[in-house]
Protein backbone atom coordinates (compact mmCIF):
# COMPACT_ATOMS: atom_id res chain seq x y z
CA MET A 1 28.51 79.46 -43.75
CA LYS A 2 32.33 78.15 -44.46
CA GLY A 3 32.99 78.49 -40.75
CA ILE A 4 29.77 76.69 -39.63
CA ARG A 5 30.87 73.68 -41.72
CA THR A 6 34.08 73.73 -39.88
CA ARG A 7 33.09 73.80 -36.80
CA LEU A 8 30.46 70.87 -37.33
CA LYS A 9 33.19 68.43 -38.63
CA GLN A 10 35.00 69.26 -35.74
CA VAL A 11 32.53 67.87 -33.42
CA LEU A 12 31.47 64.99 -35.46
CA LYS A 13 35.18 64.12 -35.16
CA ASP A 14 35.57 64.25 -31.52
CA GLU A 15 34.10 60.70 -30.24
CA SER A 16 36.07 60.26 -26.97
CA GLY A 17 32.57 61.16 -24.82
CA GLN A 18 30.57 58.92 -26.76
CA ALA A 19 32.71 56.15 -26.16
CA VAL A 20 32.56 56.60 -22.88
CA VAL A 21 29.18 56.59 -22.75
CA LEU A 22 28.57 53.58 -24.82
CA ALA A 23 31.12 51.89 -22.63
CA ALA A 24 29.28 52.60 -19.44
CA ALA A 25 26.10 51.46 -21.38
CA GLY A 26 27.69 48.18 -22.19
CA MET A 27 29.13 47.70 -18.69
CA VAL A 28 25.54 48.18 -17.19
CA ALA A 29 24.18 45.43 -19.53
CA ILE A 30 27.03 43.16 -19.02
CA LEU A 31 26.68 43.31 -15.17
CA GLY A 32 22.78 42.87 -15.63
CA PHE A 33 23.08 39.76 -17.36
CA ALA A 34 25.82 38.60 -14.84
CA GLY A 35 23.62 39.47 -11.86
CA LEU A 36 20.58 37.73 -13.83
CA ALA A 37 22.95 34.62 -14.17
CA LEU A 38 24.11 34.61 -10.56
CA ASP A 39 20.33 34.93 -9.71
CA ILE A 40 19.54 32.14 -12.05
CA GLY A 41 22.08 29.82 -10.34
CA GLN A 42 20.87 30.47 -6.96
CA MET A 43 17.52 29.65 -7.88
CA ARG A 44 18.51 26.37 -9.37
CA TYR A 45 20.43 25.85 -5.93
CA GLU A 46 17.26 26.55 -3.97
CA ARG A 47 15.19 24.33 -6.46
CA ARG A 48 17.58 21.24 -5.54
CA GLN A 49 17.01 21.84 -2.03
CA LEU A 50 13.30 21.76 -2.37
CA GLN A 51 13.61 18.60 -4.41
CA ALA A 52 15.32 17.10 -1.96
CA ALA A 53 12.69 18.05 0.56
CA ALA A 54 9.84 17.07 -1.46
CA ASP A 55 11.27 13.62 -2.36
CA ALA A 56 11.90 13.33 1.52
CA ALA A 57 8.43 14.44 2.55
CA ALA A 58 6.97 12.07 -0.14
CA MET A 59 8.71 9.16 1.14
CA ALA A 60 7.76 9.92 4.57
CA ALA A 61 4.13 10.17 4.02
CA VAL A 62 3.77 7.28 1.79
CA LEU A 63 5.09 5.14 4.57
CA GLU A 64 2.24 5.93 6.58
CA LEU A 65 -0.32 5.25 3.71
CA THR A 66 -1.54 2.12 5.51
CA LYS A 67 -2.51 3.81 8.47
CA CYS A 68 -4.55 6.32 6.57
CA ALA A 69 -7.48 3.84 5.17
CA GLY A 70 -7.92 5.75 2.12
CA THR A 71 -8.28 9.25 3.76
CA ALA A 72 -6.42 11.66 1.35
CA ASP A 73 -6.31 14.34 4.69
CA CYS A 74 -4.87 11.78 6.80
CA SER A 75 -3.09 13.92 9.70
CA THR A 76 -0.67 10.77 10.12
CA MET A 77 0.61 11.19 6.91
CA MET A 78 0.91 15.13 7.11
CA THR A 79 2.81 14.70 10.40
CA ALA A 80 5.13 12.27 8.79
CA ALA A 81 5.98 14.80 5.93
CA GLU A 82 6.54 17.50 8.23
CA GLN A 83 9.32 15.64 10.28
CA ALA A 84 10.86 14.98 6.88
CA MET A 85 10.87 18.69 5.93
CA THR A 86 12.31 19.76 9.29
CA GLU A 87 15.11 17.23 8.97
CA ASN A 88 16.00 18.67 5.65
CA GLY A 89 16.29 22.19 7.61
CA MET A 90 12.96 23.88 6.08
CA THR A 91 10.36 24.28 9.05
CA VAL A 92 6.38 24.79 7.49
CA ALA A 93 4.11 26.89 9.42
CA SER A 94 0.92 24.98 10.10
CA ALA A 95 -1.35 27.12 7.98
CA ASN A 96 0.95 26.16 5.00
CA ASP A 97 0.28 22.57 5.54
CA LEU A 98 -1.99 21.88 2.71
CA LYS A 99 -3.64 18.62 1.38
CA GLN A 100 -5.34 17.61 -2.02
CA CYS A 101 -4.03 20.57 -3.93
CA ALA A 102 -5.69 23.14 -1.92
CA SER A 103 -4.44 26.85 -2.52
CA GLY A 104 -2.33 28.16 -0.20
CA SER A 105 0.50 31.12 0.54
CA THR A 106 2.37 32.45 -2.37
CA THR A 107 4.86 34.37 0.01
CA GLU A 108 5.83 31.76 2.45
CA LEU A 109 7.39 27.89 2.20
CA THR A 110 4.14 25.55 1.59
CA LEU A 111 3.98 22.03 1.83
CA THR A 112 1.08 19.99 -0.21
CA ILE A 113 0.42 16.23 0.57
CA ASN A 114 -1.81 14.71 -2.12
CA ASN A 115 -3.11 11.02 -1.86
CA GLY A 116 -3.75 10.19 -5.05
CA PRO A 117 -1.54 12.92 -6.80
CA CYS A 118 -3.48 15.76 -8.47
CA ALA A 119 -0.89 18.85 -9.07
CA LEU A 120 -0.97 18.15 -12.68
CA GLY A 121 -4.61 17.90 -13.50
CA SER A 122 -5.17 14.79 -15.27
CA THR A 123 -4.11 11.03 -16.26
CA ALA A 124 -2.72 12.73 -19.52
CA SER A 125 -0.02 14.65 -17.55
CA ASP A 126 0.22 12.20 -14.51
CA PRO A 127 -0.59 8.64 -15.00
CA ASN A 128 -0.78 8.19 -11.66
CA TYR A 129 -3.21 11.25 -11.25
CA GLY A 130 -6.05 10.50 -8.61
CA ASN A 131 -4.44 7.08 -7.56
CA THR A 132 -4.51 6.48 -3.99
CA GLY A 133 -1.73 4.04 -4.18
CA TYR A 134 0.51 7.09 -4.62
CA VAL A 135 1.40 10.07 -2.45
CA GLU A 136 2.42 13.36 -3.93
CA ALA A 137 4.55 15.80 -2.28
CA VAL A 138 4.61 19.72 -3.45
CA VAL A 139 6.77 21.99 -2.20
CA SER A 140 6.97 25.79 -3.10
CA THR A 141 8.57 29.03 -1.81
CA PRO A 142 9.31 32.61 -3.15
CA GLN A 143 12.94 33.29 -3.93
CA ASN A 144 14.17 37.02 -3.27
CA THR A 145 16.24 38.25 -6.53
CA PHE A 146 19.44 40.21 -6.05
CA PHE A 147 20.37 41.42 -9.40
CA ALA A 148 17.23 40.85 -11.36
CA ARG A 149 15.74 43.85 -9.27
CA VAL A 150 17.39 46.30 -11.92
CA LEU A 151 15.34 44.49 -14.10
CA GLY A 152 11.84 44.84 -12.00
CA ILE A 153 11.93 41.21 -10.98
CA ASN A 154 12.00 41.05 -7.02
CA SER A 155 10.95 37.64 -6.56
CA LYS A 156 10.05 34.12 -8.22
CA THR A 157 8.30 31.51 -7.09
CA ILE A 158 9.92 28.00 -7.17
CA SER A 159 8.64 24.47 -6.52
CA ALA A 160 9.45 20.96 -6.43
CA ARG A 161 7.22 18.17 -6.99
CA ALA A 162 7.73 14.35 -5.98
CA GLU A 163 5.59 11.05 -6.27
CA ALA A 164 6.24 7.86 -4.10
CA ALA A 165 4.43 4.58 -3.72
CA LEU A 166 4.89 1.59 -1.60
CA GLY A 167 6.32 -1.44 -3.37
CA ASN A 168 4.34 -4.78 -3.13
CA SER A 169 5.63 -7.39 -0.89
CA GLN A 170 7.67 -10.40 -1.93
CA PHE A 171 5.60 -12.62 0.39
CA CYS A 172 2.00 -13.72 0.38
CA VAL A 173 2.21 -16.16 3.12
CA TYR A 174 2.87 -15.28 6.78
CA THR A 175 2.50 -17.22 9.95
CA SER A 176 3.46 -16.63 13.66
CA THR A 177 4.19 -13.08 13.31
CA SER A 178 3.38 -12.40 17.22
CA SER A 179 6.46 -11.80 19.66
CA THR A 180 4.82 -14.58 21.68
CA ASP A 181 4.88 -17.23 18.72
CA GLN A 182 8.18 -16.11 17.61
CA GLY A 183 10.09 -17.69 20.49
CA SER A 184 11.32 -21.38 20.87
CA SER A 185 7.68 -22.25 22.43
CA GLY A 186 5.93 -20.99 19.39
CA PRO A 187 3.60 -23.25 17.26
CA VAL A 188 4.22 -25.41 14.26
CA GLY A 189 3.72 -22.80 11.98
CA ILE A 190 3.43 -24.62 8.75
CA LEU A 191 2.24 -28.28 8.85
CA MET A 192 2.08 -29.93 5.54
CA ASN A 193 0.33 -33.32 6.17
CA SER A 194 1.08 -36.36 3.39
CA THR A 195 0.50 -35.88 -0.10
CA SER A 196 -0.50 -32.03 0.18
CA SER A 197 1.14 -29.12 -1.76
CA ILE A 198 1.36 -25.08 -1.79
CA THR A 199 2.21 -23.49 -5.02
CA ALA A 200 3.27 -19.87 -4.37
CA GLY A 201 4.30 -17.46 -7.15
CA CYS A 202 5.54 -15.53 -3.83
CA GLY A 203 7.82 -15.63 -0.87
CA ILE A 204 6.55 -17.60 2.39
CA GLU A 205 7.52 -16.23 5.78
CA ASP A 206 7.19 -18.79 8.79
CA ASP A 207 7.91 -16.87 12.06
CA SER A 208 7.75 -19.55 14.20
CA GLY A 209 10.59 -20.01 16.40
CA SER A 210 10.02 -23.35 17.46
CA SER A 211 12.34 -26.32 16.34
CA ASP A 212 9.69 -27.65 14.55
CA ALA A 213 8.53 -24.58 12.83
CA LEU A 214 7.80 -25.98 9.40
CA GLU A 215 6.86 -29.64 9.40
CA THR A 216 6.68 -31.58 6.13
CA ASN A 217 4.83 -35.08 5.76
CA SER A 218 5.70 -38.07 2.98
CA GLY A 219 4.42 -36.83 -0.55
CA SER A 220 4.02 -33.39 0.56
CA SER A 221 5.89 -30.43 -1.43
CA ILE A 222 5.90 -26.57 -1.09
CA THR A 223 6.84 -24.38 -4.22
CA SER A 224 7.53 -20.62 -3.59
CA THR A 225 9.90 -18.05 -4.65
CA ILE A 226 11.41 -17.53 -1.22
CA PHE A 227 11.26 -19.29 1.65
CA LYS A 228 12.33 -18.23 5.36
CA VAL A 229 11.73 -19.87 8.69
CA THR A 230 12.47 -18.28 11.76
CA GLY A 231 12.75 -21.64 13.86
CA GLN A 232 13.66 -24.89 12.33
CA TRP A 233 12.57 -27.19 9.79
CA GLY A 234 11.63 -30.58 11.10
CA LEU A 235 11.40 -33.06 8.63
CA VAL A 236 9.06 -35.87 9.86
CA ASN A 237 8.39 -38.45 6.87
CA GLY A 238 10.04 -36.35 3.95
CA GLY A 239 8.40 -33.88 2.12
CA THR A 240 10.12 -31.39 -0.27
CA ALA A 241 10.28 -27.61 -0.42
CA SER A 242 11.49 -25.71 -3.26
CA PRO A 243 13.80 -23.22 -2.85
CA THR A 244 15.33 -25.13 0.45
CA PRO A 245 14.04 -22.81 3.52
CA THR A 246 16.52 -20.25 5.03
CA THR A 247 16.37 -21.30 8.86
CA SER A 248 17.23 -19.20 11.75
CA ALA A 249 15.87 -16.39 9.85
CA THR A 250 14.97 -12.90 11.45
CA ALA A 251 11.19 -12.86 12.26
CA VAL A 252 9.11 -9.43 10.86
CA SER A 253 6.30 -8.21 12.82
CA ASP A 254 2.48 -8.85 11.37
CA PRO A 255 2.28 -7.04 7.89
CA LEU A 256 -1.71 -6.53 8.43
CA ALA A 257 -1.57 -5.34 11.98
CA TYR A 258 -2.41 -2.07 10.93
CA LEU A 259 -5.98 -3.34 10.14
CA GLN A 260 -6.57 -3.84 13.90
CA SER A 261 -6.92 -0.21 14.15
CA ASP A 262 -9.54 0.29 11.80
CA GLU A 263 -11.75 -2.71 12.41
CA PRO A 264 -15.42 -2.87 11.24
CA THR A 265 -17.98 -1.67 14.19
CA THR A 266 -20.54 -4.44 15.15
CA GLY A 267 -23.91 -2.10 14.38
CA GLY A 268 -27.42 -3.50 14.91
CA CYS A 269 -28.22 -7.10 13.82
CA THR A 270 -29.18 -7.17 10.22
CA LYS A 271 -30.04 -10.96 10.98
CA THR A 272 -29.79 -13.20 13.63
CA ASN A 273 -28.93 -16.98 14.22
CA LEU A 274 -29.78 -17.15 10.28
CA VAL A 275 -30.46 -20.63 8.59
CA VAL A 276 -30.49 -20.70 4.85
CA ALA A 277 -31.44 -23.74 2.85
CA GLY A 278 -31.91 -22.63 -0.56
CA THR A 279 -30.91 -19.99 -3.14
CA THR A 280 -30.49 -16.51 -1.60
CA SER A 281 -28.79 -13.42 -1.66
CA LEU A 282 -27.48 -11.09 1.24
CA SER A 283 -26.42 -7.63 1.56
CA ALA A 284 -23.56 -6.18 4.04
CA GLY A 285 -24.33 -5.88 7.29
CA THR A 286 -24.04 -7.38 10.70
CA TYR A 287 -25.15 -11.01 11.31
CA CYS A 288 -25.60 -11.61 15.04
CA GLY A 289 -24.88 -15.72 15.82
CA GLY A 290 -23.42 -16.25 12.81
CA ILE A 291 -25.04 -18.41 9.57
CA ASN A 292 -25.94 -22.10 8.81
CA PHE A 293 -25.94 -22.83 4.99
CA ASN A 294 -27.71 -26.35 5.30
CA SER A 295 -27.54 -28.45 2.01
CA GLY A 296 -31.33 -28.23 2.03
CA SER A 297 -33.16 -30.43 -0.93
CA GLY A 298 -29.60 -30.05 -2.89
CA ALA A 299 -26.96 -27.58 -4.38
CA TYR A 300 -27.55 -23.89 -4.22
CA THR A 301 -25.82 -21.01 -4.54
CA VAL A 302 -25.57 -18.20 -1.89
CA THR A 303 -24.92 -14.35 -3.59
CA PHE A 304 -23.16 -11.97 -1.53
CA GLY A 305 -23.56 -8.03 -2.16
CA ALA A 306 -20.90 -6.14 -2.53
CA GLY A 307 -19.61 -4.85 0.92
CA THR A 308 -18.45 -5.40 4.66
CA TYR A 309 -20.13 -8.57 6.51
CA VAL A 310 -19.44 -8.39 10.11
CA PHE A 311 -20.28 -11.99 12.20
CA THR A 312 -20.81 -12.70 15.57
CA GLY A 313 -20.91 -16.43 15.72
CA ASP A 314 -20.09 -19.25 13.34
CA VAL A 315 -20.34 -19.41 9.40
CA ASN A 316 -21.20 -23.07 8.71
CA VAL A 317 -21.30 -24.22 4.84
CA ASP A 318 -22.76 -27.50 4.03
CA THR A 319 -21.79 -29.87 1.35
CA ALA A 320 -22.83 -28.65 -2.16
CA VAL A 321 -23.58 -24.90 -1.18
CA THR A 322 -21.95 -22.24 -3.59
CA LEU A 323 -20.75 -18.77 -2.15
CA ASN A 324 -20.44 -16.41 -4.47
CA GLY A 325 -19.53 -12.71 -4.05
CA THR A 326 -17.26 -11.07 -7.04
CA GLY A 327 -18.51 -7.54 -6.27
CA GLY A 328 -16.02 -6.65 -3.60
CA VAL A 329 -16.64 -8.44 0.05
CA THR A 330 -14.98 -8.63 3.33
CA LEU A 331 -15.93 -11.20 5.60
CA TYR A 332 -15.24 -10.09 9.20
CA PHE A 333 -15.52 -12.46 11.98
CA ALA A 334 -15.97 -10.19 15.69
CA SER A 335 -16.24 -13.76 17.02
CA GLY A 336 -16.73 -17.21 15.58
CA SER A 337 -15.40 -18.58 12.28
CA LEU A 338 -15.89 -20.10 8.94
CA THR A 339 -15.95 -23.94 8.29
CA MET A 340 -16.47 -25.18 4.48
CA ASN A 341 -17.58 -28.83 4.17
CA SER A 342 -16.28 -31.17 1.57
CA ALA A 343 -17.73 -30.43 -1.77
CA SER A 344 -18.97 -26.86 -1.23
CA THR A 345 -17.78 -24.15 -3.64
CA VAL A 346 -16.20 -20.71 -2.80
CA ASP A 347 -16.02 -17.84 -5.29
CA LEU A 348 -15.30 -14.91 -3.08
CA VAL A 349 -13.28 -11.46 -4.50
CA ALA A 350 -12.07 -8.79 -1.84
CA PRO A 351 -12.69 -5.03 -2.67
CA THR A 352 -10.48 -3.42 -5.04
CA SER A 353 -10.53 0.16 -3.38
CA GLY A 354 -11.09 1.54 -0.18
CA SER A 355 -10.11 0.82 3.35
CA TYR A 356 -10.17 -2.74 2.89
CA ALA A 357 -8.88 -2.96 -0.63
CA GLY A 358 -7.71 -6.84 -0.98
CA ILE A 359 -8.96 -8.11 2.69
CA LEU A 360 -11.22 -10.95 2.00
CA ILE A 361 -11.88 -12.90 5.13
CA TRP A 362 -10.41 -11.45 8.53
CA GLN A 363 -10.85 -12.46 12.14
CA ALA A 364 -10.36 -10.20 15.14
CA SER A 365 -7.20 -10.59 17.07
CA THR A 366 -9.17 -11.44 19.69
CA ASP A 367 -10.60 -14.42 18.42
CA SER A 368 -8.57 -17.61 18.29
CA SER A 369 -11.39 -19.79 16.75
CA ALA A 370 -9.89 -22.28 13.86
CA MET A 371 -11.23 -21.57 10.26
CA ILE A 372 -11.44 -24.47 7.75
CA ILE A 373 -11.90 -24.14 4.23
CA ASP A 374 -12.76 -27.39 2.52
CA SER A 375 -13.62 -26.56 -1.34
CA ASN A 376 -13.41 -27.74 -4.45
CA SER A 377 -10.65 -27.51 -7.00
CA SER A 378 -12.59 -24.66 -8.95
CA SER A 379 -13.08 -22.29 -6.02
CA THR A 380 -11.89 -18.67 -6.08
CA LEU A 381 -10.44 -16.79 -3.09
CA GLN A 382 -9.10 -13.82 -4.06
CA GLY A 383 -7.74 -11.42 -1.36
CA ALA A 384 -6.40 -11.86 2.07
CA ILE A 385 -7.13 -14.50 4.64
CA TYR A 386 -6.14 -12.63 7.86
CA LEU A 387 -6.31 -14.70 10.93
CA PRO A 388 -3.99 -13.00 13.49
CA ASP A 389 -4.39 -15.38 16.40
CA ALA A 390 -6.35 -18.50 14.84
CA GLN A 391 -5.15 -21.62 13.03
CA LEU A 392 -6.40 -22.04 9.15
CA THR A 393 -6.63 -25.35 7.88
CA LEU A 394 -6.85 -26.09 4.02
CA ASN A 395 -8.69 -29.10 3.29
CA SER A 396 -8.90 -30.52 -0.22
CA ALA A 397 -9.21 -26.74 -1.07
CA GLY A 398 -8.14 -25.18 -4.53
CA ASN A 399 -7.81 -21.95 -5.49
CA LEU A 400 -7.95 -20.16 -9.05
CA ALA A 401 -7.48 -16.47 -7.62
CA ALA A 402 -5.34 -13.82 -9.47
CA TYR A 403 -3.89 -13.46 -5.97
CA SER A 404 -3.89 -14.75 -2.66
CA ILE A 405 -2.42 -13.90 0.84
CA VAL A 406 -2.45 -15.85 3.83
CA ASP A 407 -1.63 -14.19 7.26
CA VAL A 408 -2.39 -16.67 10.01
CA ASN A 409 -1.03 -17.95 13.36
CA ASN A 410 -0.37 -21.16 12.17
CA LEU A 411 -1.29 -22.84 8.75
CA ILE A 412 -2.41 -26.79 8.52
CA VAL A 413 -2.65 -28.13 4.57
CA ASP A 414 -4.31 -31.10 5.06
CA SER A 415 -3.37 -34.86 3.42
CA GLY A 416 -4.55 -34.36 -0.35
CA ALA A 417 -5.37 -30.62 -0.50
CA SER A 418 -3.49 -28.70 -3.21
CA PHE A 419 -3.53 -24.62 -2.44
CA THR A 420 -2.26 -22.22 -5.22
CA LEU A 421 -1.31 -18.59 -4.33
CA ASN A 422 -0.80 -16.24 -6.96
CA ASN A 423 0.30 -12.48 -7.10
CA ASN A 424 -1.29 -10.72 -9.83
CA TYR A 425 -2.56 -7.51 -7.95
CA SER A 426 -3.39 -5.66 -11.19
CA SER A 427 -7.13 -5.15 -9.96
CA LEU A 428 -6.19 -3.28 -7.01
CA SER A 429 -5.52 0.30 -7.28
CA GLY A 430 -3.08 0.26 -4.63
CA GLY A 431 -1.12 -3.02 -5.15
CA SER A 432 -1.47 -5.57 -2.32
CA PRO A 433 -2.25 -4.68 0.67
CA ILE A 434 0.79 -6.09 2.03
CA LYS A 435 3.89 -3.66 1.46
CA SER A 436 7.64 -3.64 1.45
CA GLY A 437 9.16 -0.35 1.10
CA ALA A 438 8.97 3.39 -0.08
CA MET A 439 10.22 4.12 -3.48
CA LEU A 440 9.74 7.20 -5.62
CA ALA A 441 7.82 7.05 -8.62
CA GLU A 442 8.46 10.45 -9.90
């Protein structure tokens, strides 16, 4: 018995073998954690690369926003995003180009473009959720591990997300943006007759290249935040402008030209050569030959239901007639134009969403018929007036709209007329229909 106890004490005292085992086990653990740290570092590096690619894809896609007419799966947008990915060294197979949060591969590089954003699932998680004024890019890819394999982790999917939006333009008045008008033979882009005024809470861009691109007569005034003139300011009998216009400025291209690829179609005639002489309501459709709103026996109101109205002829609005369309209307002239006579009233508001969001009155680029708006001081013209090849005359017109945009060939503000242009685009889900540049939102 004594011999057994002696032998046991000898075994317990000999710890050299145990130390080797413990040291080996400890080394494995240390190497495992070190390897895991290297894997995590590599994943962080790859995620930074993915984030740069997602940022670039979102920025590139949102620049095509105005060409997509509110279509969430716009191919133009996706093509731009793919090109941005390629420029960042990442090529996505066409099968892995996804739209609007569609499910895709988990074993290959995947690009998803969402307009509006949907990846986070709700407005509680993303204040821009579902807002078509924003474009979201999500890039994901499986990342193989090296040392973490000893822990049974062979790969890990990593992803990056970015949102981008277009900023609202600083300008709300554009004239003479066609290349033919921007030379020295261009028209008088803006003519202010005596005692007329424009008050704009935004910038004015007169792109006529003429030496008389801007003419101001005695007692006239223009107030804006920025004032650029491609040609020169030809003072006739005085007139003031604040700030003083920058002349010989670089011209810009027509900011609403993207609309010309999405013009309303002229369908079957809803009405032909319509004459109205009393209170009535109209529905969206095609009005062949235009409309005459006669004064009839006295003042009356015409109510426009929401939608797009296509005219193939002149619309004449007589004295004491009120045009009311606050539910979201676009008046499109395939031919002909609008003439409003003195003391008439207009209370029209452009759509707040959809393809023609913010577009109120629009004349085809092939239609050079002059437009005259002569309404009283309580009128509201909320939206863009777009006449790419025609003259707009504001004659004794007022304007109480939250926002207005004028994009015309040339503008005349007649004697005594006073027109205000505000720039509160909060009612439009995508902001102003005229954009400046892309910016990351998230």
